[in-house]
C-alpha atoms as a PDB file:
ATOM      1  CA  ASP A   1     180.764 169.625 131.370  1.00  0.00           C
ATOM      2  CA  ARG A   2     179.380 170.506 127.938  1.00  0.00           C
ATOM      3  CA  GLY A   3     182.846 170.544 126.430  1.00  0.00           C
ATOM      4  CA  ALA A   4     184.471 173.225 124.303  1.00  0.00           C
ATOM      5  CA  TRP A   5     186.183 173.166 120.971  1.00  0.00           C
ATOM      6  CA  VAL A   6     189.701 174.548 121.085  1.00  0.00           C
ATOM      7  CA  ASP A   7     191.459 175.664 117.895  1.00  0.00           C
ATOM      8  CA  LYS A   8     195.116 174.726 118.158  1.00  0.00           C
ATOM      9  CA  GLY A   9     195.876 176.360 114.795  1.00  0.00           C
ATOM     10  CA  THR A  10     197.122 173.240 113.028  1.00  0.00           C
ATOM     11  CA  TRP A  11     195.843 173.314 109.479  1.00  0.00           C
ATOM     12  CA  HIS A  12     197.197 171.340 106.568  1.00  0.00           C
ATOM     13  CA  TYR A  13     196.500 172.623 103.074  1.00  0.00           C
ATOM     14  CA  VAL A  14     197.187 171.007  99.736  1.00  0.00           C
ATOM     15  CA  PHE A  15     197.978 173.430  96.929  1.00  0.00           C
ATOM     16  CA  THR A  16     196.496 172.177  93.649  1.00  0.00           C
ATOM     17  CA  THR A  17     197.257 173.881  90.350  1.00  0.00           C
ATOM     18  CA  TYR A  18     194.696 173.791  87.548  1.00  0.00           C
ATOM     19  CA  THR A  19     195.064 174.942  83.977  1.00  0.00           C
ATOM     20  CA  ALA A  20     192.375 175.915  81.497  1.00  0.00           C
ATOM     21  CA  LYS A  21     192.497 177.050  77.876  1.00  0.00           C
ATOM     22  CA  LEU A  22     189.617 178.188  75.660  1.00  0.00           C
ATOM     23  CA  ASN A  23     190.075 177.690  71.905  1.00  0.00           C
ATOM     24  CA  ALA A  24     187.679 178.991  69.236  1.00  0.00           C
ATOM     25  CA  THR A  25     187.342 178.859  65.463  1.00  0.00           C
ATOM     26  CA  LEU A  26     185.151 181.423  63.661  1.00  0.00           C
ATOM     27  CA  THR A  27     183.897 180.799  60.123  1.00  0.00           C
ATOM     28  CA  LEU A  28     182.005 183.218  57.862  1.00  0.00           C
ATOM     29  CA  ALA A  29     180.424 181.961  54.647  1.00  0.00           C
ATOM     30  CA  PRO A  30     178.106 183.431  52.007  1.00  0.00           C
ATOM     31  CA  ASP A  31     174.521 182.234  52.437  1.00  0.00           C
ATOM     32  CA  GLU A  32     173.594 179.254  50.276  1.00  0.00           C
ATOM     33  CA  ARG A  33     170.890 181.415  48.658  1.00  0.00           C
ATOM     34  CA  CYS A  34     173.495 183.827  47.245  1.00  0.00           C
ATOM     35  CA  PRO A  35     173.653 182.619  43.608  1.00  0.00           C
ATOM     36  CA  THR A  36     176.727 184.611  42.570  1.00  0.00           C
ATOM     37  CA  ALA A  37     178.948 183.968  45.601  1.00  0.00           C
ATOM     38  CA  ASP A  38     182.420 182.485  45.292  1.00  0.00           C
ATOM     39  CA  ARG A  39     182.360 180.225  48.344  1.00  0.00           C
ATOM     40  CA  VAL A  40     185.925 179.007  47.917  1.00  0.00           C
ATOM     41  CA  ASN A  41     187.435 182.500  48.055  1.00  0.00           C
ATOM     42  CA  LYS A  42     184.673 183.890  50.310  1.00  0.00           C
ATOM     43  CA  VAL A  43     183.600 186.662  47.919  1.00  0.00           C
ATOM     44  CA  MET A  44     180.009 187.868  47.527  1.00  0.00           C
ATOM     45  CA  LYS A  45     178.021 190.884  46.425  1.00  0.00           C
ATOM     46  CA  SER A  46     176.706 193.349  48.983  1.00  0.00           C
ATOM     47  CA  GLY A  47     173.176 192.989  50.290  1.00  0.00           C
ATOM     48  CA  TYR A  48     173.255 189.211  50.636  1.00  0.00           C
ATOM     49  CA  GLY A  49     173.342 187.263  53.869  1.00  0.00           C
ATOM     50  CA  MET A  50     176.248 185.433  55.431  1.00  0.00           C
ATOM     51  CA  THR A  51     176.368 182.660  57.991  1.00  0.00           C
ATOM     52  CA  ILE A  52     178.484 182.974  61.120  1.00  0.00           C
ATOM     53  CA  ASN A  53     179.552 179.792  62.900  1.00  0.00           C
ATOM     54  CA  CYS A  54     181.917 179.372  65.814  1.00  0.00           C
ATOM     55  CA  SER A  55     183.159 176.221  67.502  1.00  0.00           C
ATOM     56  CA  THR A  56     184.872 176.294  70.885  1.00  0.00           C
ATOM     57  CA  ASN A  57     186.655 173.825  73.079  1.00  0.00           C
ATOM     58  CA  LEU A  58     187.748 174.141  76.694  1.00  0.00           C
ATOM     59  CA  THR A  59     190.700 172.044  77.826  1.00  0.00           C
ATOM     60  CA  THR A  60     191.355 171.854  81.553  1.00  0.00           C
ATOM     61  CA  ASN A  61     192.589 169.567  84.287  1.00  0.00           C
ATOM     62  CA  ALA A  62     190.084 170.971  86.810  1.00  0.00           C
ATOM     63  CA  PRO A  63     187.191 168.766  87.932  1.00  0.00           C
ATOM     64  CA  SER A  64     184.236 169.039  85.537  1.00  0.00           C
ATOM     65  CA  SER A  65     182.004 170.181  88.396  1.00  0.00           C
ATOM     66  CA  GLN A  66     184.109 173.350  88.679  1.00  0.00           C
ATOM     67  CA  VAL A  67     184.040 174.555  85.043  1.00  0.00           C
ATOM     68  CA  THR A  68     181.499 175.436  82.377  1.00  0.00           C
ATOM     69  CA  ALA A  69     181.849 175.443  78.615  1.00  0.00           C
ATOM     70  CA  ALA A  70     181.474 178.787  76.824  1.00  0.00           C
ATOM     71  CA  GLN A  71     177.935 180.133  77.277  1.00  0.00           C
ATOM     72  CA  ASN A  72     177.674 183.139  74.906  1.00  0.00           C
ATOM     73  CA  ALA A  73     179.049 184.446  71.632  1.00  0.00           C
ATOM     74  CA  ILE A  74     178.476 188.046  70.548  1.00  0.00           C
ATOM     75  CA  SER A  75     179.148 189.266  66.992  1.00  0.00           C
ATOM     76  CA  THR A  76     179.855 192.869  66.018  1.00  0.00           C
ATOM     77  CA  PHE A  77     179.985 194.350  62.513  1.00  0.00           C
ATOM     78  CA  PRO A  78     181.979 196.987  60.582  1.00  0.00           C
ATOM     79  CA  ASP A  79     178.915 198.849  59.280  1.00  0.00           C
ATOM     80  CA  PHE A  80     178.043 199.646  62.914  1.00  0.00           C
ATOM     81  CA  SER A  81     181.634 200.544  63.909  1.00  0.00           C
ATOM     82  CA  TYR A  82     181.768 197.340  65.992  1.00  0.00           C
ATOM     83  CA  LYS A  83     179.784 198.990  68.792  1.00  0.00           C
ATOM     84  CA  ASP A  84     176.227 200.133  68.064  1.00  0.00           C
ATOM     85  CA  TYR A  85     174.720 196.792  67.009  1.00  0.00           C
ATOM     86  CA  TRP A  86     175.580 193.237  67.956  1.00  0.00           C
ATOM     87  CA  ARG A  87     174.013 189.808  67.710  1.00  0.00           C
ATOM     88  CA  VAL A  88     174.024 187.001  70.257  1.00  0.00           C
ATOM     89  CA  SER A  89     174.406 183.538  68.735  1.00  0.00           C
ATOM     90  CA  GLU A  90     172.531 180.365  69.631  1.00  0.00           C
ATOM     91  CA  LYS A  91     174.558 177.658  71.291  1.00  0.00           C
ATOM     92  CA  SER A  92     174.605 173.910  71.140  1.00  0.00           C
ATOM     93  CA  SER A  93     177.020 172.191  73.455  1.00  0.00           C
ATOM     94  CA  SER A  94     178.382 168.822  74.357  1.00  0.00           C
ATOM     95  CA  GLY A  95     180.672 168.557  77.347  1.00  0.00           C
ATOM     96  CA  LEU A  96     183.321 171.252  77.214  1.00  0.00           C
ATOM     97  CA  SER A  97     182.737 171.978  73.502  1.00  0.00           C
ATOM     98  CA  THR A  98     180.223 174.536  72.279  1.00  0.00           C
ATOM     99  CA  ASN A  99     179.048 175.469  68.791  1.00  0.00           C
ATOM    100  CA  PHE A 100     177.492 178.834  68.097  1.00  0.00           C
ATOM    101  CA  SER A 101     175.482 179.953  65.071  1.00  0.00           C
ATOM    102  CA  LEU A 102     173.174 182.858  64.361  1.00  0.00           C
ATOM    103  CA  LYS A 103     169.498 182.608  65.212  1.00  0.00           C
ATOM    104  CA  GLY A 104     166.964 182.757  62.388  1.00  0.00           C
ATOM    105  CA  ASN A 105     166.788 186.301  61.028  1.00  0.00           C
ATOM    106  CA  LYS A 106     163.227 187.632  61.142  1.00  0.00           C
ATOM    107  CA  TRP A 107     164.028 189.864  58.153  1.00  0.00           C
ATOM    108  CA  SER A 108     164.965 186.842  56.033  1.00  0.00           C
ATOM    109  CA  TYR A 109     162.158 185.540  53.815  1.00  0.00           C
ATOM    110  CA  PHE A 110     163.125 181.998  54.818  1.00  0.00           C
ATOM    111  CA  ASN A 111     163.996 182.870  58.468  1.00  0.00           C
ATOM    112  CA  SER A 112     167.552 181.840  57.609  1.00  0.00           C
ATOM    113  CA  PRO A 113     170.273 182.162  60.265  1.00  0.00           C
ATOM    114  CA  VAL A 114     172.115 184.927  58.397  1.00  0.00           C
ATOM    115  CA  HIS A 115     173.406 188.459  58.825  1.00  0.00           C
ATOM    116  CA  PHE A 116     172.746 190.706  55.833  1.00  0.00           C
ATOM    117  CA  THR A 117     175.563 192.899  54.611  1.00  0.00           C
ATOM    118  CA  PRO A 118     174.530 196.457  53.751  1.00  0.00           C
ATOM    119  CA  VAL A 119     173.766 197.112  50.081  1.00  0.00           C
ATOM    120  CA  TRP A 120     175.925 200.257  50.174  1.00  0.00           C
ATOM    121  CA  TYR A 121     179.071 198.420  51.315  1.00  0.00           C
ATOM    122  CA  PRO A 122     181.901 199.311  48.866  1.00  0.00           C
ATOM    123  CA  ASP A 123     183.230 196.821  46.329  1.00  0.00           C
ATOM    124  CA  GLY A 124     186.639 195.314  46.978  1.00  0.00           C
ATOM    125  CA  GLU A 125     186.415 195.929  50.710  1.00  0.00           C
ATOM    126  CA  PRO A 126     186.803 193.222  53.343  1.00  0.00           C
ATOM    127  CA  TYR A 127     183.781 192.731  55.602  1.00  0.00           C
ATOM    128  CA  THR A 128     185.260 191.592  58.910  1.00  0.00           C
ATOM    129  CA  VAL A 129     183.046 190.249  61.689  1.00  0.00           C
ATOM    130  CA  VAL A 130     184.418 190.183  65.245  1.00  0.00           C
ATOM    131  CA  GLN A 131     182.999 187.659  67.666  1.00  0.00           C
ATOM    132  CA  GLU A 132     183.682 187.441  71.363  1.00  0.00           C
ATOM    133  CA  VAL A 133     183.076 184.108  73.081  1.00  0.00           C
ATOM    134  CA  LEU A 134     182.595 184.498  76.806  1.00  0.00           C
ATOM    135  CA  ASP A 135     181.137 183.153  80.048  1.00  0.00           C
ATOM    136  CA  CYS A 136     183.431 180.141  80.233  1.00  0.00           C
ATOM    137  CA  TRP A 137     183.804 179.810  83.993  1.00  0.00           C
ATOM    138  CA  THR A 138     186.713 178.216  85.853  1.00  0.00           C
ATOM    139  CA  PRO A 139     187.837 178.237  89.520  1.00  0.00           C
ATOM    140  CA  ALA A 140     190.029 181.278  88.734  1.00  0.00           C
ATOM    141  CA  GLY A 141     187.336 183.264  86.922  1.00  0.00           C
ATOM    142  CA  MET A 142     185.960 183.749  83.415  1.00  0.00           C
ATOM    143  CA  LEU A 143     187.767 182.879  80.197  1.00  0.00           C
ATOM    144  CA  SER A 144     186.904 184.629  76.960  1.00  0.00           C
ATOM    145  CA  VAL A 145     188.345 184.726  73.467  1.00  0.00           C
ATOM    146  CA  ARG A 146     187.896 187.163  70.579  1.00  0.00           C
ATOM    147  CA  LYS A 147     188.058 185.964  66.974  1.00  0.00           C
ATOM    148  CA  ASN A 148     187.447 187.542  63.580  1.00  0.00           C
ATOM    149  CA  ASP A 149     186.926 186.348  60.035  1.00  0.00           C
ATOM    150  CA  THR A 150     186.464 188.169  56.746  1.00  0.00           C
ATOM    151  CA  ILE A 151     184.380 187.960  53.589  1.00  0.00           C
ATOM    152  CA  THR A 152     185.226 190.189  50.636  1.00  0.00           C
ATOM    153  CA  ILE A 153     182.387 192.247  49.172  1.00  0.00           C
ATOM    154  CA  ASP A 154     182.893 192.585  45.417  1.00  0.00           C
ATOM    155  CA  GLY A 155     181.049 192.519  42.089  1.00  0.00           C
ATOM    156  CA  GLY A 156     178.139 194.840  42.786  1.00  0.00           C
ATOM    157  CA  SER A 157     175.080 194.312  44.918  1.00  0.00           C
ATOM    158  CA  VAL A 158     172.041 192.090  45.277  1.00  0.00           C
ATOM    159  CA  PHE A 159     170.199 194.514  42.954  1.00  0.00           C
ATOM    160  CA  ASP A 160     172.485 193.455  40.090  1.00  0.00           C
ATOM    161  CA  ASP A 161     171.182 189.876  40.396  1.00  0.00           C
ATOM    162  CA  TRP A 162     167.461 190.454  40.936  1.00  0.00           C
ATOM    163  CA  HIS A 163     164.881 192.420  39.017  1.00  0.00           C
ATOM    164  CA  VAL A 164     161.228 192.920  39.904  1.00  0.00           C
ATOM    165  CA  GLY A 165     159.111 194.086  36.996  1.00  0.00           C
ATOM    166  CA  PRO A 166     158.464 193.225  33.385  1.00  0.00           C
ATOM    167  CA  LEU A 167     161.141 191.448  31.406  1.00  0.00           C
ATOM    168  CA  PRO A 168     163.084 193.638  29.013  1.00  0.00           C
ATOM    169  CA  VAL A 169     161.956 193.459  25.384  1.00  0.00           C
ATOM    170  CA  ASN A 170     164.662 192.311  22.975  1.00  0.00           C
END
């Protein structure tokens, strides 16, 4: 007799509940090379660059082998109606925490990790960046969070601070 396995239908399951929460903090700041920026009140002239940094933290009671920290952060901008142009940030992570910042901008003379505001952006207007943090995987699926932060554009443009040509004669 080679034997046969018979299923008697007796199964015992243990229901385990897990929780997971993704928190994020988004921070915009005028670039350090913007000489006329008010960094305390987050006010700068149009045409300069701004830094975009995001820190995330995943809290969960699930086993660490079953979750991942946030993997991507995508920024969208008002001058593109939050849809036509977006930038993916670089990540650095440690455990269930992830920090995101912009990659070096190839249009920056110093390859700085900045996003340039348009020179034509109107004075007195808030420049709000929206960032979505996503690809944080848990046993129940993906967690994502959307954050925004604002810098006020005021006082003119980058062309008011810089002049290329001969100095004016007094």
